[in-house]
Amino acid sequence: MLRGTRKVSNDHLISWKRTKYEVPTGLARTKIEVFHHVIDDTIRVFHQGRFIRLSPVDRNANALSRRGEKVAETDNNAALHTEPRPSAADLSFRRDFGPIVGPDGGFSDSDSDKEMP
């Protein structure tokens, strides 16, 4: 087993051997000890009394996730999860193409009555 210390980024990421891994929420800007199990080639951290296996970054999910912001909490201290903000690409796509059906499920394009060549 290999061990090393890494500083967690604001995005809850660490680098290990040129690969980015996601760490549990709440560890941003802290130093953590990383354990690389060579036999099964897994990366783990010790968090809240147990070893947590880390996964390589899902770049798509990471691009859409909210980070670096305080999360509102409910009365029972459970984190309140909200829909992520749309990315610039999502906004551009919606602006350029928009929905093809209206809220009632019918076509909303006024050009739909014209004949297709």
N, C-alpha and C. Protein backbone atom coordinates (compact mmCIF):
# COMPACT_ATOMS: atom_id res chain seq x y z
N MET A 1 0.85 -1.17 0.00
CA MET A 1 0.00 0.00 0.00
C MET A 1 0.90 1.23 0.00
N LEU A 2 0.59 2.17 -0.87
CA LEU A 2 1.30 3.45 -0.93
C LEU A 2 0.47 4.50 -0.21
N ARG A 3 1.15 5.43 0.45
CA ARG A 3 0.47 6.51 1.15
C ARG A 3 1.01 7.85 0.69
N GLY A 4 0.16 8.83 0.72
CA GLY A 4 0.58 10.18 0.36
C GLY A 4 -0.40 11.19 0.90
N THR A 5 0.04 12.43 0.99
CA THR A 5 -0.82 13.52 1.46
C THR A 5 -1.14 14.42 0.28
N ARG A 6 -2.39 14.81 0.16
CA ARG A 6 -2.83 15.69 -0.92
C ARG A 6 -3.72 16.78 -0.34
N LYS A 7 -3.69 17.95 -0.99
CA LYS A 7 -4.59 19.04 -0.61
C LYS A 7 -5.81 18.97 -1.54
N VAL A 8 -7.00 19.00 -0.94
CA VAL A 8 -8.25 18.91 -1.69
C VAL A 8 -8.57 20.29 -2.26
N SER A 9 -8.92 20.33 -3.54
CA SER A 9 -9.27 21.59 -4.20
C SER A 9 -10.67 22.05 -3.78
N ASN A 10 -11.03 23.25 -4.19
CA ASN A 10 -12.38 23.77 -3.93
C ASN A 10 -13.44 22.92 -4.60
N ASP A 11 -13.05 22.19 -5.64
CA ASP A 11 -13.97 21.34 -6.38
C ASP A 11 -14.08 19.94 -5.79
N HIS A 12 -13.48 19.71 -4.62
CA HIS A 12 -13.45 18.40 -3.96
C HIS A 12 -12.72 17.37 -4.80
N LEU A 13 -11.57 17.76 -5.34
CA LEU A 13 -10.75 16.89 -6.17
C LEU A 13 -9.33 16.80 -5.63
N ILE A 14 -8.71 15.65 -5.87
CA ILE A 14 -7.28 15.49 -5.62
C ILE A 14 -6.66 14.86 -6.86
N SER A 15 -5.35 15.01 -7.01
CA SER A 15 -4.62 14.35 -8.09
C SER A 15 -3.79 13.24 -7.50
N TRP A 16 -3.80 12.10 -8.17
CA TRP A 16 -2.95 10.97 -7.78
C TRP A 16 -2.46 10.33 -9.06
N LYS A 17 -1.17 10.38 -9.29
CA LYS A 17 -0.56 9.80 -10.50
C LYS A 17 -1.24 10.29 -11.77
N ARG A 18 -1.35 11.60 -11.90
CA ARG A 18 -1.90 12.29 -13.08
C ARG A 18 -3.38 12.00 -13.34
N THR A 19 -4.10 11.50 -12.36
CA THR A 19 -5.54 11.27 -12.49
C THR A 19 -6.24 12.04 -11.38
N LYS A 20 -7.33 12.71 -11.71
CA LYS A 20 -8.12 13.44 -10.72
C LYS A 20 -9.16 12.51 -10.12
N TYR A 21 -9.31 12.59 -8.78
CA TYR A 21 -10.29 11.78 -8.06
C TYR A 21 -11.19 12.69 -7.24
N GLU A 22 -12.45 12.30 -7.13
CA GLU A 22 -13.42 13.05 -6.32
C GLU A 22 -13.36 12.56 -4.89
N VAL A 23 -13.37 13.50 -3.94
CA VAL A 23 -13.36 13.14 -2.52
C VAL A 23 -14.69 13.54 -1.90
N PRO A 24 -15.02 13.01 -0.71
CA PRO A 24 -16.30 13.34 -0.09
C PRO A 24 -16.48 14.85 0.13
N THR A 25 -17.72 15.28 0.00
CA THR A 25 -18.06 16.68 0.21
C THR A 25 -17.70 17.11 1.63
N GLY A 26 -17.23 18.32 1.77
CA GLY A 26 -16.89 18.85 3.08
C GLY A 26 -15.40 18.85 3.35
N LEU A 27 -14.61 18.29 2.43
CA LEU A 27 -13.16 18.24 2.64
C LEU A 27 -12.41 19.27 1.80
N ALA A 28 -13.11 20.18 1.15
CA ALA A 28 -12.47 21.19 0.31
C ALA A 28 -11.46 21.99 1.13
N ARG A 29 -10.32 22.28 0.51
CA ARG A 29 -9.25 23.09 1.11
C ARG A 29 -8.62 22.45 2.34
N THR A 30 -8.71 21.13 2.47
CA THR A 30 -8.05 20.45 3.59
C THR A 30 -6.99 19.51 3.05
N LYS A 31 -6.06 19.10 3.91
CA LYS A 31 -5.07 18.10 3.54
C LYS A 31 -5.56 16.75 4.02
N ILE A 32 -5.50 15.76 3.14
CA ILE A 32 -5.96 14.42 3.50
C ILE A 32 -4.86 13.42 3.18
N GLU A 33 -4.91 12.28 3.86
CA GLU A 33 -3.97 11.20 3.58
C GLU A 33 -4.65 10.23 2.62
N VAL A 34 -3.93 9.90 1.55
CA VAL A 34 -4.45 9.04 0.48
C VAL A 34 -3.75 7.69 0.56
N PHE A 35 -4.52 6.62 0.40
CA PHE A 35 -3.98 5.26 0.43
C PHE A 35 -4.22 4.62 -0.92
N HIS A 36 -3.14 4.21 -1.59
CA HIS A 36 -3.25 3.53 -2.89
C HIS A 36 -2.99 2.05 -2.66
N HIS A 37 -4.04 1.25 -2.81
CA HIS A 37 -3.92 -0.19 -2.67
C HIS A 37 -3.44 -0.74 -4.01
N VAL A 38 -2.18 -1.15 -4.05
CA VAL A 38 -1.54 -1.54 -5.30
C VAL A 38 -2.14 -2.83 -5.86
N ILE A 39 -2.51 -3.77 -5.02
CA ILE A 39 -3.01 -5.05 -5.48
C ILE A 39 -4.28 -4.90 -6.31
N ASP A 40 -5.26 -4.14 -5.79
CA ASP A 40 -6.51 -3.95 -6.56
C ASP A 40 -6.57 -2.59 -7.26
N ASP A 41 -5.47 -1.83 -7.21
CA ASP A 41 -5.34 -0.53 -7.87
C ASP A 41 -6.49 0.42 -7.55
N THR A 42 -6.79 0.55 -6.24
CA THR A 42 -7.83 1.48 -5.80
C THR A 42 -7.22 2.57 -4.94
N ILE A 43 -7.87 3.71 -4.92
CA ILE A 43 -7.46 4.85 -4.11
C ILE A 43 -8.52 5.04 -3.03
N ARG A 44 -8.07 5.18 -1.78
CA ARG A 44 -9.01 5.35 -0.66
C ARG A 44 -8.51 6.46 0.27
N VAL A 45 -9.47 7.04 0.99
CA VAL A 45 -9.15 7.99 2.07
C VAL A 45 -9.89 7.53 3.31
N PHE A 46 -9.34 7.87 4.47
CA PHE A 46 -9.98 7.55 5.73
C PHE A 46 -10.85 8.74 6.10
N HIS A 47 -12.17 8.54 6.15
CA HIS A 47 -13.11 9.64 6.39
C HIS A 47 -14.22 9.15 7.31
N GLN A 48 -14.45 9.88 8.39
CA GLN A 48 -15.49 9.57 9.37
C GLN A 48 -15.41 8.13 9.86
N GLY A 49 -14.20 7.69 10.17
CA GLY A 49 -14.00 6.40 10.79
C GLY A 49 -13.97 5.20 9.86
N ARG A 50 -13.97 5.43 8.55
CA ARG A 50 -13.91 4.30 7.62
C ARG A 50 -13.19 4.70 6.35
N PHE A 51 -12.72 3.69 5.61
CA PHE A 51 -12.06 3.94 4.34
C PHE A 51 -13.11 4.13 3.25
N ILE A 52 -12.94 5.18 2.47
CA ILE A 52 -13.84 5.50 1.37
C ILE A 52 -13.05 5.33 0.07
N ARG A 53 -13.58 4.52 -0.83
CA ARG A 53 -12.94 4.32 -2.14
C ARG A 53 -13.26 5.52 -3.02
N LEU A 54 -12.24 6.10 -3.64
CA LEU A 54 -12.42 7.25 -4.51
C LEU A 54 -12.59 6.80 -5.95
N SER A 55 -13.35 7.60 -6.70
CA SER A 55 -13.58 7.32 -8.11
C SER A 55 -12.93 8.41 -8.94
N PRO A 56 -12.46 8.05 -10.14
CA PRO A 56 -11.96 9.10 -11.04
C PRO A 56 -13.08 10.09 -11.35
N VAL A 57 -12.69 11.30 -11.68
CA VAL A 57 -13.65 12.37 -11.92
C VAL A 57 -14.55 12.06 -13.11
N ASP A 58 -15.83 12.29 -12.92
CA ASP A 58 -16.79 12.28 -14.01
C ASP A 58 -16.83 13.73 -14.51
N ARG A 59 -16.12 14.02 -15.58
CA ARG A 59 -15.96 15.41 -16.03
C ARG A 59 -17.29 16.07 -16.38
N ASN A 60 -18.24 15.33 -16.91
CA ASN A 60 -19.53 15.90 -17.26
C ASN A 60 -20.29 16.33 -16.00
N ALA A 61 -20.38 15.45 -15.02
CA ALA A 61 -21.08 15.79 -13.77
C ALA A 61 -20.35 16.92 -13.04
N ASN A 62 -19.02 16.89 -13.08
CA ASN A 62 -18.25 17.91 -12.40
C ASN A 62 -18.46 19.29 -13.03
N ALA A 63 -18.64 19.33 -14.35
CA ALA A 63 -18.86 20.61 -15.04
C ALA A 63 -20.19 21.23 -14.66
N LEU A 64 -21.17 20.40 -14.29
CA LEU A 64 -22.50 20.91 -13.97
C LEU A 64 -22.75 21.08 -12.48
N SER A 65 -21.85 20.56 -11.63
CA SER A 65 -22.11 20.60 -10.19
C SER A 65 -21.83 21.98 -9.60
N ARG A 66 -22.52 22.28 -8.53
CA ARG A 66 -22.30 23.53 -7.81
C ARG A 66 -21.20 23.29 -6.80
N ARG A 67 -20.24 24.19 -6.74
CA ARG A 67 -19.15 24.01 -5.81
C ARG A 67 -18.64 25.36 -5.35
N GLY A 68 -17.94 25.34 -4.25
CA GLY A 68 -17.40 26.57 -3.72
C GLY A 68 -18.45 27.48 -3.10
N GLU A 69 -19.65 26.96 -2.86
CA GLU A 69 -20.73 27.73 -2.26
C GLU A 69 -21.20 27.03 -1.00
N LYS A 70 -21.72 27.81 -0.07
CA LYS A 70 -22.30 27.21 1.13
C LYS A 70 -23.63 26.58 0.75
N VAL A 71 -23.89 25.42 1.31
CA VAL A 71 -25.13 24.70 1.04
C VAL A 71 -26.11 24.97 2.16
N ALA A 72 -27.34 25.33 1.80
CA ALA A 72 -28.37 25.54 2.81
C ALA A 72 -28.70 24.22 3.48
N GLU A 73 -29.06 24.27 4.76
CA GLU A 73 -29.40 23.04 5.48
C GLU A 73 -30.81 23.13 6.03
N THR A 74 -31.45 21.99 6.12
CA THR A 74 -32.80 21.93 6.67
C THR A 74 -32.71 21.80 8.19
N ASP A 75 -33.85 21.72 8.86
CA ASP A 75 -33.87 21.63 10.32
C ASP A 75 -33.17 20.38 10.84
N ASN A 76 -33.22 19.28 10.10
CA ASN A 76 -32.58 18.06 10.58
C ASN A 76 -31.14 17.93 10.08
N ASN A 77 -30.54 19.05 9.64
CA ASN A 77 -29.14 19.14 9.22
C ASN A 77 -28.81 18.30 7.98
N ALA A 78 -29.79 17.90 7.22
CA ALA A 78 -29.53 17.20 5.96
C ALA A 78 -29.32 18.25 4.88
N ALA A 79 -28.34 18.06 4.03
CA ALA A 79 -28.06 19.04 2.98
C ALA A 79 -29.24 19.13 2.02
N LEU A 80 -29.58 20.33 1.63
CA LEU A 80 -30.68 20.57 0.70
C LEU A 80 -30.11 20.51 -0.72
N HIS A 81 -30.55 19.53 -1.51
CA HIS A 81 -30.03 19.37 -2.86
C HIS A 81 -30.94 20.09 -3.83
N THR A 82 -30.34 20.90 -4.68
CA THR A 82 -31.10 21.63 -5.68
C THR A 82 -30.58 21.25 -7.06
N GLU A 83 -31.35 21.54 -8.07
CA GLU A 83 -30.96 21.27 -9.44
C GLU A 83 -29.75 22.14 -9.79
N PRO A 84 -28.73 21.58 -10.44
CA PRO A 84 -27.56 22.38 -10.78
C PRO A 84 -27.91 23.46 -11.80
N ARG A 85 -27.17 24.55 -11.75
CA ARG A 85 -27.38 25.62 -12.70
C ARG A 85 -26.98 25.14 -14.09
N PRO A 86 -27.69 25.61 -15.13
CA PRO A 86 -27.32 25.18 -16.49
C PRO A 86 -25.97 25.77 -16.89
N SER A 87 -25.22 25.02 -17.67
CA SER A 87 -23.92 25.49 -18.16
C SER A 87 -24.14 26.45 -19.31
N ALA A 88 -23.08 27.12 -19.75
CA ALA A 88 -23.17 28.04 -20.88
C ALA A 88 -23.61 27.29 -22.14
N ALA A 89 -23.12 26.07 -22.29
CA ALA A 89 -23.50 25.27 -23.46
C ALA A 89 -25.00 24.94 -23.42
N ASP A 90 -25.52 24.61 -22.24
CA ASP A 90 -26.96 24.33 -22.11
C ASP A 90 -27.79 25.56 -22.46
N LEU A 91 -27.38 26.71 -21.95
CA LEU A 91 -28.13 27.94 -22.22
C LEU A 91 -28.11 28.29 -23.71
N SER A 92 -26.96 28.13 -24.35
CA SER A 92 -26.83 28.42 -25.77
C SER A 92 -27.70 27.47 -26.59
N PHE A 93 -27.69 26.19 -26.25
CA PHE A 93 -28.51 25.20 -26.95
C PHE A 93 -29.99 25.54 -26.82
N ARG A 94 -30.42 25.85 -25.61
CA ARG A 94 -31.85 26.19 -25.40
C ARG A 94 -32.24 27.44 -26.17
N ARG A 95 -31.32 28.43 -26.21
CA ARG A 95 -31.61 29.67 -26.92
C ARG A 95 -31.72 29.41 -28.42
N ASP A 96 -30.78 28.63 -28.97
CA ASP A 96 -30.75 28.40 -30.41
C ASP A 96 -31.81 27.43 -30.90
N PHE A 97 -32.12 26.42 -30.12
CA PHE A 97 -33.03 25.38 -30.60
C PHE A 97 -34.37 25.36 -29.89
N GLY A 98 -34.41 25.67 -28.62
CA GLY A 98 -35.66 25.72 -27.88
C GLY A 98 -36.45 24.43 -27.95
N PRO A 99 -37.56 24.35 -27.23
CA PRO A 99 -38.38 23.14 -27.28
C PRO A 99 -39.16 23.07 -28.59
N ILE A 100 -39.44 21.86 -29.05
CA ILE A 100 -40.22 21.71 -30.27
C ILE A 100 -41.70 21.45 -29.98
N VAL A 101 -42.03 21.22 -28.71
CA VAL A 101 -43.43 21.07 -28.32
C VAL A 101 -43.74 22.10 -27.24
N GLY A 102 -44.99 22.55 -27.23
CA GLY A 102 -45.41 23.51 -26.23
C GLY A 102 -45.73 22.83 -24.91
N PRO A 103 -46.09 23.59 -23.89
CA PRO A 103 -46.42 23.02 -22.58
C PRO A 103 -47.58 22.04 -22.62
N ASP A 104 -48.48 22.19 -23.61
CA ASP A 104 -49.63 21.30 -23.73
C ASP A 104 -49.30 20.04 -24.53
N GLY A 105 -48.07 19.91 -25.01
CA GLY A 105 -47.65 18.73 -25.76
C GLY A 105 -47.81 18.87 -27.26
N GLY A 106 -48.40 19.98 -27.71
CA GLY A 106 -48.55 20.21 -29.14
C GLY A 106 -47.36 20.97 -29.70
N PHE A 107 -47.23 20.95 -31.01
CA PHE A 107 -46.13 21.69 -31.63
C PHE A 107 -46.36 23.18 -31.49
N SER A 108 -45.32 23.91 -31.08
CA SER A 108 -45.46 25.34 -30.87
C SER A 108 -44.89 26.15 -32.01
N ASP A 109 -44.25 25.51 -32.99
CA ASP A 109 -43.64 26.20 -34.10
C ASP A 109 -44.72 26.61 -35.10
N SER A 110 -44.78 27.89 -35.43
CA SER A 110 -45.79 28.35 -36.39
C SER A 110 -45.49 27.89 -37.80
N ASP A 111 -44.25 27.46 -38.08
CA ASP A 111 -43.86 26.97 -39.39
C ASP A 111 -44.35 25.54 -39.63
N SER A 112 -44.91 24.89 -38.62
CA SER A 112 -45.34 23.49 -38.77
C SER A 112 -46.53 23.36 -39.73
N ASP A 113 -47.25 24.46 -39.98
CA ASP A 113 -48.39 24.40 -40.89
C ASP A 113 -47.96 24.46 -42.34
N LYS A 114 -46.71 24.86 -42.59
CA LYS A 114 -46.22 24.98 -43.96
C LYS A 114 -45.84 23.61 -44.49
N GLU A 115 -45.94 23.46 -45.82
CA GLU A 115 -45.57 22.20 -46.44
C GLU A 115 -44.06 22.03 -46.46
N MET A 116 -43.66 20.79 -46.29
CA MET A 116 -42.23 20.48 -46.38
C MET A 116 -41.90 20.25 -47.84
N PRO A 117 -40.77 20.72 -48.37
CA PRO A 117 -40.42 20.50 -49.79
C PRO A 117 -40.10 19.07 -50.07
